[in-house]
PDB file of N, CA and C in Angstrom:
ATOM      1  N   UNK A   1      15.281  -7.427   5.835  1.00  0.00           N
ATOM      2  CA  UNK A   1      15.830  -6.855   4.734  1.00  0.00           C
ATOM      3  C   UNK A   1      14.565  -6.585   3.697  1.00  0.00           C
ATOM      4  N   UNK A   2      14.521  -5.398   3.165  1.00  0.00           N
ATOM      5  CA  UNK A   2      13.374  -5.063   2.276  1.00  0.00           C
ATOM      6  C   UNK A   2      13.813  -5.416   0.774  1.00  0.00           C
ATOM      7  N   UNK A   3      12.789  -5.979   0.130  1.00  0.00           N
ATOM      8  CA  UNK A   3      12.970  -6.185  -1.327  1.00  0.00           C
ATOM      9  C   UNK A   3      11.778  -5.506  -2.019  1.00  0.00           C
ATOM     10  N   UNK A   4      12.060  -5.463  -3.348  1.00  0.00           N
ATOM     11  CA  UNK A   4      10.934  -4.756  -4.227  1.00  0.00           C
ATOM     12  C   UNK A   4       9.723  -5.599  -4.145  1.00  0.00           C
ATOM     13  N   UNK A   5       8.608  -4.896  -4.187  1.00  0.00           N
ATOM     14  CA  UNK A   5       7.277  -5.479  -4.108  1.00  0.00           C
ATOM     15  C   UNK A   5       7.006  -6.504  -5.225  1.00  0.00           C
ATOM     16  N   UNK A   6       7.615  -6.158  -6.434  1.00  0.00           N
ATOM     17  CA  UNK A   6       7.377  -7.021  -7.653  1.00  0.00           C
ATOM     18  C   UNK A   6       8.114  -8.413  -7.373  1.00  0.00           C
ATOM     19  N   UNK A   7       9.253  -8.423  -6.699  1.00  0.00           N
ATOM     20  CA  UNK A   7      10.050  -9.553  -6.385  1.00  0.00           C
ATOM     21  C   UNK A   7       9.305 -10.359  -5.355  1.00  0.00           C
ATOM     22  N   UNK A   8       8.763  -9.728  -4.287  1.00  0.00           N
ATOM     23  CA  UNK A   8       8.034 -10.330  -3.304  1.00  0.00           C
ATOM     24  C   UNK A   8       6.751 -11.090  -3.887  1.00  0.00           C
ATOM     25  N   UNK A   9       6.046 -10.480  -4.846  1.00  0.00           N
ATOM     26  CA  UNK A   9       4.934 -11.101  -5.382  1.00  0.00           C
ATOM     27  C   UNK A   9       5.291 -12.372  -6.140  1.00  0.00           C
ATOM     28  N   UNK A  10       6.473 -12.299  -6.982  1.00  0.00           N
ATOM     29  CA  UNK A  10       7.000 -13.368  -7.726  1.00  0.00           C
ATOM     30  C   UNK A  10       7.411 -14.511  -6.710  1.00  0.00           C
ATOM     31  N   UNK A  11       7.826 -14.255  -5.579  1.00  0.00           N
ATOM     32  CA  UNK A  11       8.307 -15.322  -4.659  1.00  0.00           C
ATOM     33  C   UNK A  11       7.118 -15.884  -4.038  1.00  0.00           C
ATOM     34  N   UNK A  12       5.997 -15.258  -3.821  1.00  0.00           N
ATOM     35  CA  UNK A  12       4.872 -15.692  -2.968  1.00  0.00           C
ATOM     36  C   UNK A  12       3.576 -16.192  -3.825  1.00  0.00           C
ATOM     37  N   UNK A  13       3.564 -15.777  -5.073  1.00  0.00           N
ATOM     38  CA  UNK A  13       2.396 -16.183  -5.904  1.00  0.00           C
ATOM     39  C   UNK A  13       2.852 -16.696  -7.280  1.00  0.00           C
ATOM     40  N   UNK A  14       2.207 -17.768  -7.673  1.00  0.00           N
ATOM     41  CA  UNK A  14       2.508 -18.371  -8.952  1.00  0.00           C
ATOM     42  C   UNK A  14       1.212 -18.697  -9.674  1.00  0.00           C
ATOM     43  N   UNK A  15       0.956 -17.931 -10.734  1.00  0.00           N
ATOM     44  CA  UNK A  15       1.606 -16.772 -11.339  1.00  0.00           C
ATOM     45  C   UNK A  15       1.408 -15.538 -10.556  1.00  0.00           C
ATOM     46  N   UNK A  16       2.423 -14.662 -10.742  1.00  0.00           N
ATOM     47  CA  UNK A  16       2.310 -13.339  -9.864  1.00  0.00           C
ATOM     48  C   UNK A  16       1.216 -12.549 -10.326  1.00  0.00           C
ATOM     49  N   UNK A  17       0.348 -11.864  -9.575  1.00  0.00           N
ATOM     50  CA  UNK A  17      -0.656 -10.992  -9.877  1.00  0.00           C
ATOM     51  C   UNK A  17      -0.143  -9.736 -10.640  1.00  0.00           C
ATOM     52  N   UNK A  18      -0.982  -9.096 -11.327  1.00  0.00           N
ATOM     53  CA  UNK A  18      -0.638  -7.907 -12.102  1.00  0.00           C
ATOM     54  C   UNK A  18      -0.223  -6.818 -11.179  1.00  0.00           C
ATOM     55  N   UNK A  19       0.731  -5.870 -11.527  1.00  0.00           N
ATOM     56  CA  UNK A  19       1.161  -4.789 -10.731  1.00  0.00           C
ATOM     57  C   UNK A  19       0.012  -3.952 -10.173  1.00  0.00           C
ATOM     58  N   UNK A  20      -0.977  -3.657 -11.027  1.00  0.00           N
ATOM     59  CA  UNK A  20      -2.132  -2.896 -10.566  1.00  0.00           C
ATOM     60  C   UNK A  20      -2.845  -3.563  -9.435  1.00  0.00           C
ATOM     61  N   UNK A  21      -2.963  -4.940  -9.511  1.00  0.00           N
ATOM     62  CA  UNK A  21      -3.610  -5.608  -8.386  1.00  0.00           C
ATOM     63  C   UNK A  21      -2.867  -5.460  -7.026  1.00  0.00           C
ATOM     64  N   UNK A  22      -1.528  -5.616  -7.208  1.00  0.00           N
ATOM     65  CA  UNK A  22      -0.610  -5.568  -5.944  1.00  0.00           C
ATOM     66  C   UNK A  22      -0.685  -4.158  -5.404  1.00  0.00           C
ATOM     67  N   UNK A  23      -0.686  -3.162  -6.241  1.00  0.00           N
ATOM     68  CA  UNK A  23      -0.631  -1.695  -5.656  1.00  0.00           C
ATOM     69  C   UNK A  23      -2.000  -1.470  -5.032  1.00  0.00           C
ATOM     70  N   UNK A  24      -3.115  -2.097  -5.562  1.00  0.00           N
ATOM     71  CA  UNK A  24      -4.445  -2.019  -4.905  1.00  0.00           C
ATOM     72  C   UNK A  24      -4.351  -2.628  -3.492  1.00  0.00           C
ATOM     73  N   UNK A  25      -3.742  -3.828  -3.382  1.00  0.00           N
ATOM     74  CA  UNK A  25      -3.582  -4.388  -2.121  1.00  0.00           C
ATOM     75  C   UNK A  25      -2.831  -3.550  -1.149  1.00  0.00           C
ATOM     76  N   UNK A  26      -1.768  -2.798  -1.600  1.00  0.00           N
ATOM     77  CA  UNK A  26      -0.961  -1.965  -0.715  1.00  0.00           C
ATOM     78  C   UNK A  26      -1.898  -0.950  -0.210  1.00  0.00           C
ATOM     79  N   UNK A  27      -2.646  -0.279  -1.146  1.00  0.00           N
ATOM     80  CA  UNK A  27      -3.582   0.898  -0.704  1.00  0.00           C
ATOM     81  C   UNK A  27      -4.667   0.423   0.141  1.00  0.00           C
ATOM     82  N   UNK A  28      -5.125  -0.760   0.091  1.00  0.00           N
ATOM     83  CA  UNK A  28      -6.250  -1.331   0.913  1.00  0.00           C
ATOM     84  C   UNK A  28      -5.667  -1.928   2.188  1.00  0.00           C
ATOM     85  N   UNK A  29      -4.340  -1.969   2.391  1.00  0.00           N
ATOM     86  CA  UNK A  29      -3.717  -2.535   3.618  1.00  0.00           C
ATOM     87  C   UNK A  29      -3.822  -4.006   3.687  1.00  0.00           C
ATOM     88  N   UNK A  30      -3.636  -4.651   2.486  1.00  0.00           N
ATOM     89  CA  UNK A  30      -3.696  -6.083   2.581  1.00  0.00           C
ATOM     90  C   UNK A  30      -2.425  -6.792   2.756  1.00  0.00           C
ATOM     91  N   UNK A  31      -1.330  -5.981   2.733  1.00  0.00           N
ATOM     92  CA  UNK A  31       0.019  -6.529   2.844  1.00  0.00           C
ATOM     93  C   UNK A  31       0.576  -6.018   4.223  1.00  0.00           C
ATOM     94  N   UNK A  32       0.985  -6.988   5.021  1.00  0.00           N
ATOM     95  CA  UNK A  32       1.504  -6.606   6.326  1.00  0.00           C
ATOM     96  C   UNK A  32       2.896  -7.229   6.646  1.00  0.00           C
ATOM     97  N   UNK A  33       3.905  -6.506   7.069  1.00  0.00           N
ATOM     98  CA  UNK A  33       3.905  -5.099   7.326  1.00  0.00           C
ATOM     99  C   UNK A  33       3.747  -4.261   6.128  1.00  0.00           C
ATOM    100  N   UNK A  34       3.210  -2.992   6.227  1.00  0.00           N
ATOM    101  CA  UNK A  34       2.878  -2.219   5.062  1.00  0.00           C
ATOM    102  C   UNK A  34       4.219  -1.801   4.318  1.00  0.00           C
ATOM    103  N   UNK A  35       4.166  -1.967   2.963  1.00  0.00           N
ATOM    104  CA  UNK A  35       5.284  -1.613   2.116  1.00  0.00           C
ATOM    105  C   UNK A  35       5.473  -0.079   2.156  1.00  0.00           C
ATOM    106  N   UNK A  36       6.784   0.264   1.897  1.00  0.00           N
ATOM    107  CA  UNK A  36       7.047   1.699   1.833  1.00  0.00           C
ATOM    108  C   UNK A  36       7.280   2.106   0.341  1.00  0.00           C
ATOM    109  N   UNK A  37       7.003   3.355   0.123  1.00  0.00           N
ATOM    110  CA  UNK A  37       7.227   3.771  -1.321  1.00  0.00           C
ATOM    111  C   UNK A  37       8.473   4.582  -1.366  1.00  0.00           C
ATOM    112  N   UNK A  38       9.536   4.250  -2.131  1.00  0.00           N
ATOM    113  CA  UNK A  38      10.768   4.930  -2.324  1.00  0.00           C
ATOM    114  C   UNK A  38      11.037   5.053  -3.765  1.00  0.00           C
ATOM    115  N   UNK A  39      11.102   6.355  -4.119  1.00  0.00           N
ATOM    116  CA  UNK A  39      11.446   6.625  -5.600  1.00  0.00           C
ATOM    117  C   UNK A  39      10.208   6.332  -6.388  1.00  0.00           C
ATOM    118  N   UNK A  40      10.413   5.218  -7.191  1.00  0.00           N
ATOM    119  CA  UNK A  40       9.303   4.880  -8.129  1.00  0.00           C
ATOM    120  C   UNK A  40       8.770   3.311  -7.768  1.00  0.00           C
ATOM    121  N   UNK A  41       9.230   2.815  -6.673  1.00  0.00           N
ATOM    122  CA  UNK A  41       8.905   1.446  -6.408  1.00  0.00           C
ATOM    123  C   UNK A  41       8.555   1.305  -4.876  1.00  0.00           C
ATOM    124  N   UNK A  42       7.735   0.258  -4.685  1.00  0.00           N
ATOM    125  CA  UNK A  42       7.394  -0.071  -3.283  1.00  0.00           C
ATOM    126  C   UNK A  42       8.359  -1.178  -2.753  1.00  0.00           C
ATOM    127  N   UNK A  43       8.769  -1.134  -1.532  1.00  0.00           N
ATOM    128  CA  UNK A  43       9.615  -2.030  -0.890  1.00  0.00           C
ATOM    129  C   UNK A  43       8.907  -2.676   0.331  1.00  0.00           C
ATOM    130  N   UNK A  44       9.241  -4.024   0.491  1.00  0.00           N
ATOM    131  CA  UNK A  44       8.333  -4.712   1.487  1.00  0.00           C
ATOM    132  C   UNK A  44       9.435  -5.634   2.235  1.00  0.00           C
ATOM    133  N   UNK A  45       9.137  -5.917   3.460  1.00  0.00           N
ATOM    134  CA  UNK A  45       9.928  -6.952   4.160  1.00  0.00           C
ATOM    135  C   UNK A  45       9.722  -8.296   3.519  1.00  0.00           C
ATOM    136  N   UNK A  46      10.897  -9.048   3.418  1.00  0.00           N
ATOM    137  CA  UNK A  46      10.789 -10.429   2.876  1.00  0.00           C
ATOM    138  C   UNK A  46       9.800 -11.346   3.491  1.00  0.00           C
ATOM    139  N   UNK A  47       9.494 -11.075   4.792  1.00  0.00           N
ATOM    140  CA  UNK A  47       8.704 -11.905   5.606  1.00  0.00           C
ATOM    141  C   UNK A  47       7.141 -11.361   5.520  1.00  0.00           C
ATOM    142  N   UNK A  48       6.910 -10.380   4.700  1.00  0.00           N
ATOM    143  CA  UNK A  48       5.543  -9.820   4.676  1.00  0.00           C
ATOM    144  C   UNK A  48       4.535 -10.849   4.288  1.00  0.00           C
ATOM    145  N   UNK A  49       3.299 -10.593   4.687  1.00  0.00           N
ATOM    146  CA  UNK A  49       2.262 -11.627   4.372  1.00  0.00           C
ATOM    147  C   UNK A  49       1.073 -10.863   3.702  1.00  0.00           C
ATOM    148  N   UNK A  50       0.396 -11.557   2.837  1.00  0.00           N
ATOM    149  CA  UNK A  50      -0.830 -11.099   2.279  1.00  0.00           C
ATOM    150  C   UNK A  50      -2.010 -11.385   3.144  1.00  0.00           C
ATOM    151  N   UNK A  51      -2.815 -10.417   3.552  1.00  0.00           N
ATOM    152  CA  UNK A  51      -3.992 -10.686   4.391  1.00  0.00           C
ATOM    153  C   UNK A  51      -5.285 -10.537   3.551  1.00  0.00           C
ATOM    154  N   UNK A  52      -5.936 -11.586   3.413  1.00  0.00           N
ATOM    155  CA  UNK A  52      -7.221 -11.532   2.538  1.00  0.00           C
ATOM    156  C   UNK A  52      -8.322 -10.505   3.096  1.00  0.00           C
ATOM    157  N   UNK A  53      -8.375 -10.227   4.320  1.00  0.00           N
ATOM    158  CA  UNK A  53      -9.239  -9.239   4.930  1.00  0.00           C
ATOM    159  C   UNK A  53      -8.414  -7.952   5.205  1.00  0.00           C
ATOM    160  N   UNK A  54      -8.788  -6.931   4.373  1.00  0.00           N
ATOM    161  CA  UNK A  54      -8.096  -5.641   4.592  1.00  0.00           C
ATOM    162  C   UNK A  54      -8.145  -4.939   5.871  1.00  0.00           C
ATOM    163  N   UNK A  55      -9.221  -5.339   6.582  1.00  0.00           N
ATOM    164  CA  UNK A  55      -9.492  -4.678   7.829  1.00  0.00           C
ATOM    165  C   UNK A  55      -8.450  -5.124   8.958  1.00  0.00           C
ATOM    166  N   UNK A  56      -7.787  -6.254   8.744  1.00  0.00           N
ATOM    167  CA  UNK A  56      -6.780  -6.772   9.637  1.00  0.00           C
ATOM    168  C   UNK A  56      -5.399  -5.970   9.578  1.00  0.00           C
ATOM    169  N   UNK A  57      -5.104  -5.414   8.434  1.00  0.00           N
ATOM    170  CA  UNK A  57      -3.870  -4.581   8.347  1.00  0.00           C
ATOM    171  C   UNK A  57      -4.259  -3.150   8.612  1.00  0.00           C
ATOM    172  N   UNK A  58      -3.222  -2.448   9.145  1.00  0.00           N
ATOM    173  CA  UNK A  58      -3.430  -0.976   9.327  1.00  0.00           C
ATOM    174  C   UNK A  58      -3.480  -0.248   7.885  1.00  0.00           C
ATOM    175  N   UNK A  59      -4.462   0.555   7.761  1.00  0.00           N
ATOM    176  CA  UNK A  59      -4.442   1.395   6.462  1.00  0.00           C
ATOM    177  C   UNK A  59      -3.495   2.383   6.520  1.00  0.00           C
ATOM    178  N   UNK A  60      -2.959   2.736   5.203  1.00  0.00           N
ATOM    179  CA  UNK A  60      -1.886   3.717   5.188  1.00  0.00           C
ATOM    180  C   UNK A  60      -2.502   5.139   5.321  1.00  0.00           C
ATOM    181  N   UNK A  61      -2.111   5.883   6.305  1.00  0.00           N
ATOM    182  CA  UNK A  61      -2.640   7.177   6.453  1.00  0.00           C
ATOM    183  C   UNK A  61      -2.318   8.222   5.399  1.00  0.00           C
ATOM    184  N   UNK A  62      -1.115   8.027   4.723  1.00  0.00           N
ATOM    185  CA  UNK A  62      -0.757   8.963   3.677  1.00  0.00           C
ATOM    186  C   UNK A  62      -1.559   8.745   2.383  1.00  0.00           C
ATOM    187  N   UNK A  63      -2.419   7.651   2.277  1.00  0.00           N
ATOM    188  CA  UNK A  63      -3.267   7.498   1.143  1.00  0.00           C
ATOM    189  C   UNK A  63      -4.722   7.968   1.400  1.00  0.00           C
ATOM    190  N   UNK A  64      -4.934   8.492   2.558  1.00  0.00           N
ATOM    191  CA  UNK A  64      -6.230   8.987   2.897  1.00  0.00           C
ATOM    192  C   UNK A  64      -6.467  10.364   2.315  1.00  0.00           C
ATOM    193  N   UNK A  65      -7.075  10.370   1.078  1.00  0.00           N
ATOM    194  CA  UNK A  65      -7.189  11.595   0.343  1.00  0.00           C
ATOM    195  C   UNK A  65      -8.264  12.570   0.932  1.00  0.00           C
ATOM    196  N   UNK A  66      -9.245  11.985   1.651  1.00  0.00           N
ATOM    197  CA  UNK A  66     -10.271  12.769   2.226  1.00  0.00           C
ATOM    198  C   UNK A  66      -9.686  13.661   3.411  1.00  0.00           C
ATOM    199  N   UNK A  67      -8.720  13.066   4.092  1.00  0.00           N
ATOM    200  CA  UNK A  67      -8.189  13.739   5.187  1.00  0.00           C
ATOM    201  C   UNK A  67      -7.335  14.934   4.777  1.00  0.00           C
ATOM    202  N   UNK A  68      -6.685  14.772   3.644  1.00  0.00           N
ATOM    203  CA  UNK A  68      -5.790  15.801   3.031  1.00  0.00           C
ATOM    204  C   UNK A  68      -6.619  16.974   2.304  1.00  0.00           C
ATOM    205  N   UNK A  69      -7.811  16.679   1.906  1.00  0.00           N
ATOM    206  CA  UNK A  69      -8.501  17.538   1.034  1.00  0.00           C
ATOM    207  C   UNK A  69      -9.220  18.650   1.949  1.00  0.00           C
ATOM    208  N   UNK A  70      -8.826  19.917   1.580  1.00  0.00           N
ATOM    209  CA  UNK A  70      -9.285  21.001   2.267  1.00  0.00           C
ATOM    210  C   UNK A  70     -10.123  21.876   1.258  1.00  0.00           C
ATOM    211  N   UNK A  71     -11.406  22.077   1.571  1.00  0.00           N
ATOM    212  CA  UNK A  71     -12.247  22.857   0.620  1.00  0.00           C
ATOM    213  C   UNK A  71     -11.840  24.245   0.651  1.00  0.00           C
ATOM    214  N   UNK A  72     -12.192  24.900  -0.539  1.00  0.00           N
ATOM    215  CA  UNK A  72     -11.879  26.283  -0.784  1.00  0.00           C
ATOM    216  C   UNK A  72     -12.706  27.140   0.345  1.00  0.00           C
ATOM    217  N   UNK A  73     -13.818  26.715   0.495  1.00  0.00           N
ATOM    218  CA  UNK A  73     -14.745  27.397   1.456  1.00  0.00           C
ATOM    219  C   UNK A  73     -14.114  27.496   2.911  1.00  0.00           C
ATOM    220  N   UNK A  74     -13.534  26.389   3.244  1.00  0.00           N
ATOM    221  CA  UNK A  74     -12.906  26.225   4.674  1.00  0.00           C
ATOM    222  C   UNK A  74     -11.535  27.129   4.618  1.00  0.00           C
ATOM    223  N   UNK A  75     -10.853  27.160   3.600  1.00  0.00           N
ATOM    224  CA  UNK A  75      -9.658  27.891   3.471  1.00  0.00           C
ATOM    225  C   UNK A  75     -10.022  29.469   3.522  1.00  0.00           C
ATOM    226  N   UNK A  76     -11.003  29.729   2.950  1.00  0.00           N
ATOM    227  CA  UNK A  76     -11.432  31.310   2.886  1.00  0.00           C
ATOM    228  C   UNK A  76     -11.860  31.630   4.341  1.00  0.00           C
ATOM    229  N   UNK A  77     -12.530  30.705   4.972  1.00  0.00           N
ATOM    230  CA  UNK A  77     -13.182  31.058   6.358  1.00  0.00           C
ATOM    231  C   UNK A  77     -11.969  31.127   7.381  1.00  0.00           C
ATOM    232  N   UNK A  78     -10.847  30.466   7.061  1.00  0.00           N
ATOM    233  CA  UNK A  78      -9.841  30.531   8.195  1.00  0.00           C
ATOM    234  C   UNK A  78      -9.103  31.721   8.188  1.00  0.00           C
TER     235      UNK A  78
END
């Protein structure tokens, strides 16, 4: 069952880290399994774990801005 990320942090950390810190963890892939973004909030499995080394969790492909960025020169050439 998925719960809101803010509820997950309150259950797993005392005191809970700031929202910006937790969102940074999501973007770096430090929470596994990776939370999903629905509407205005992240949802995560209740059994999710924080991984201190971000390289152990898969990075979110939808946050890779460099892959999405197409330069104007490349668009004109196509």
